[in-house]
Amino acid sequence: QVQLVESGGGLVQAGGSLRLSCAASGRTFSSMGWFRQAPGKERDFVAAINWSRGNTIYADSVKGRFTISRDNAKNTVSLQMNSLKPEDTAVYYCAASTYYSDAIENQNIYNYWGQGTQVTVSS
């Protein structure tokens, strides 16, 4: 049974940092990513990583502030979020894909999702 368990969300002041982690179990994946959904908005892409090659991609809104990384031994993907802004407030979802695709920013390729973790950035 596949499980994605997220941790690390919380409340932080603008300019602060948070680190999200997602522990995957049950099988291996071709890519993993983070998406977020703010109240009243659609779920948006944040960052993704190809599991075997390690190449990464980021949404323009988080480039230079967020870093996605993987720990192959622990089957864990993390998202280091620095210089947080109030507009980063959202529920953050970890996602995993078993499909081989170069379009790892496309949420349609992800067939497993975590339960979500709330990130709130106060001004």
Protein backbone atom coordinates (compact mmCIF):
# COMPACT_ATOMS: atom_id res chain seq x y z
CA GLN A 1 0.00 0.00 0.00
CA VAL A 2 1.39 3.36 -1.03
CA GLN A 3 1.58 6.08 1.58
CA LEU A 4 2.83 9.64 1.43
CA VAL A 5 3.17 11.19 4.86
CA GLU A 6 3.88 14.91 5.04
CA SER A 7 5.28 16.84 7.96
CA GLY A 8 6.73 20.23 8.77
CA GLY A 9 3.95 22.71 8.12
CA GLY A 10 3.08 25.48 10.54
CA LEU A 11 2.86 29.18 11.20
CA VAL A 12 5.80 31.47 10.47
CA GLN A 13 6.36 35.18 10.08
CA ALA A 14 7.14 36.71 6.72
CA GLY A 15 10.82 36.30 5.93
CA GLY A 16 11.05 33.11 7.94
CA SER A 17 11.72 29.53 6.89
CA LEU A 18 10.02 26.17 7.04
CA ARG A 19 11.02 22.72 5.87
CA LEU A 20 8.43 20.27 4.62
CA SER A 21 9.13 16.56 4.35
CA CYS A 22 7.29 13.75 2.64
CA ALA A 23 8.04 10.14 3.46
CA ALA A 24 6.99 7.70 0.75
CA SER A 25 6.41 4.01 1.27
CA GLY A 26 4.99 1.12 -0.68
CA ARG A 27 6.92 1.45 -3.93
CA THR A 28 9.44 3.53 -5.80
CA PHE A 29 8.54 6.52 -7.94
CA SER A 30 9.85 8.20 -11.07
CA SER A 31 9.29 11.71 -9.77
CA MET A 32 7.94 13.53 -6.74
CA GLY A 33 6.69 17.03 -6.32
CA TRP A 34 5.05 19.63 -4.17
CA PHE A 35 1.87 21.47 -5.02
CA ARG A 36 -0.12 24.00 -3.03
CA GLN A 37 -3.65 25.24 -2.82
CA ALA A 38 -4.64 28.55 -1.29
CA PRO A 39 -8.23 29.19 -0.13
CA GLY A 40 -10.53 29.75 -3.07
CA LYS A 41 -7.83 28.97 -5.62
CA GLU A 42 -6.80 26.03 -7.74
CA ARG A 43 -3.98 23.73 -6.77
CA ASP A 44 -0.71 25.01 -8.24
CA PHE A 45 2.67 23.51 -8.96
CA VAL A 46 5.51 24.47 -6.60
CA ALA A 47 8.51 22.21 -7.26
CA ALA A 48 9.34 18.74 -8.50
CA ILE A 49 12.29 16.39 -8.76
CA ASN A 50 13.07 13.47 -11.03
CA TRP A 51 13.90 10.65 -8.68
CA SER A 52 16.64 8.90 -10.68
CA ARG A 53 18.32 11.87 -12.41
CA GLY A 54 17.77 14.38 -9.65
CA ASN A 55 16.88 17.25 -11.94
CA THR A 56 14.53 19.80 -10.46
CA ILE A 57 12.02 22.36 -11.63
CA TYR A 58 10.38 25.24 -9.77
CA ALA A 59 7.46 27.56 -10.20
CA ASP A 60 8.62 31.08 -11.03
CA SER A 61 7.03 32.37 -7.83
CA VAL A 62 9.34 30.29 -5.62
CA LYS A 63 12.58 30.22 -7.61
CA GLY A 64 15.53 31.27 -5.50
CA ARG A 65 13.57 30.83 -2.26
CA PHE A 66 12.53 27.17 -2.23
CA THR A 67 14.69 24.10 -2.69
CA ILE A 68 13.45 20.58 -3.32
CA SER A 69 15.68 17.63 -2.48
CA ARG A 70 15.47 13.88 -2.13
CA ASP A 71 16.95 11.26 0.15
CA ASN A 72 17.03 8.04 -1.81
CA ALA A 73 17.90 5.90 1.19
CA LYS A 74 14.93 7.17 3.18
CA ASN A 75 12.61 7.52 0.18
CA THR A 76 11.89 11.06 1.32
CA VAL A 77 11.48 14.33 -0.52
CA SER A 78 11.86 17.66 1.24
CA LEU A 79 11.02 21.25 0.46
CA GLN A 80 13.14 23.91 2.13
CA MET A 81 11.23 27.18 2.07
CA ASN A 82 13.12 30.38 2.81
CA SER A 83 12.15 34.05 2.67
CA LEU A 84 8.51 33.10 3.04
CA LYS A 85 5.85 35.57 2.01
CA PRO A 86 2.19 35.85 3.03
CA GLU A 87 1.24 34.77 -0.49
CA ASP A 88 2.93 31.42 0.18
CA THR A 89 0.13 30.61 2.61
CA ALA A 90 -1.60 27.45 1.41
CA VAL A 91 -2.09 23.77 2.01
CA TYR A 92 0.97 22.05 0.58
CA TYR A 93 0.60 18.61 -0.96
CA CYS A 94 3.27 16.05 -1.66
CA ALA A 95 2.73 14.04 -4.84
CA ALA A 96 4.41 11.02 -6.38
CA SER A 97 4.32 9.65 -9.89
CA THR A 98 4.97 6.20 -11.27
CA TYR A 99 4.83 7.50 -14.85
CA TYR A 100 7.97 8.38 -16.74
CA SER A 101 7.53 11.91 -18.02
CA ASP A 102 9.67 14.98 -18.58
CA ALA A 103 6.70 17.16 -17.61
CA ILE A 104 7.19 16.70 -13.90
CA GLU A 105 5.53 20.08 -13.25
CA ASN A 106 2.26 18.72 -14.60
CA GLN A 107 0.07 17.54 -11.74
CA ASN A 108 -1.78 15.18 -14.08
CA ILE A 109 1.17 12.77 -14.09
CA TYR A 110 0.99 12.30 -10.31
CA ASN A 111 -1.04 9.34 -9.21
CA TYR A 112 -0.39 9.45 -5.48
CA TRP A 113 -1.03 12.37 -3.14
CA GLY A 114 -0.40 13.14 0.50
CA GLN A 115 -3.01 14.46 2.88
CA GLY A 116 -1.67 18.01 2.81
CA THR A 117 -0.01 20.19 5.41
CA GLN A 118 -0.93 23.78 6.22
CA VAL A 119 1.64 26.53 5.82
CA THR A 120 0.63 29.95 7.10
CA VAL A 121 2.85 33.00 6.70
CA SER A 122 1.88 36.04 8.71
CA SER A 123 2.76 39.57 7.65
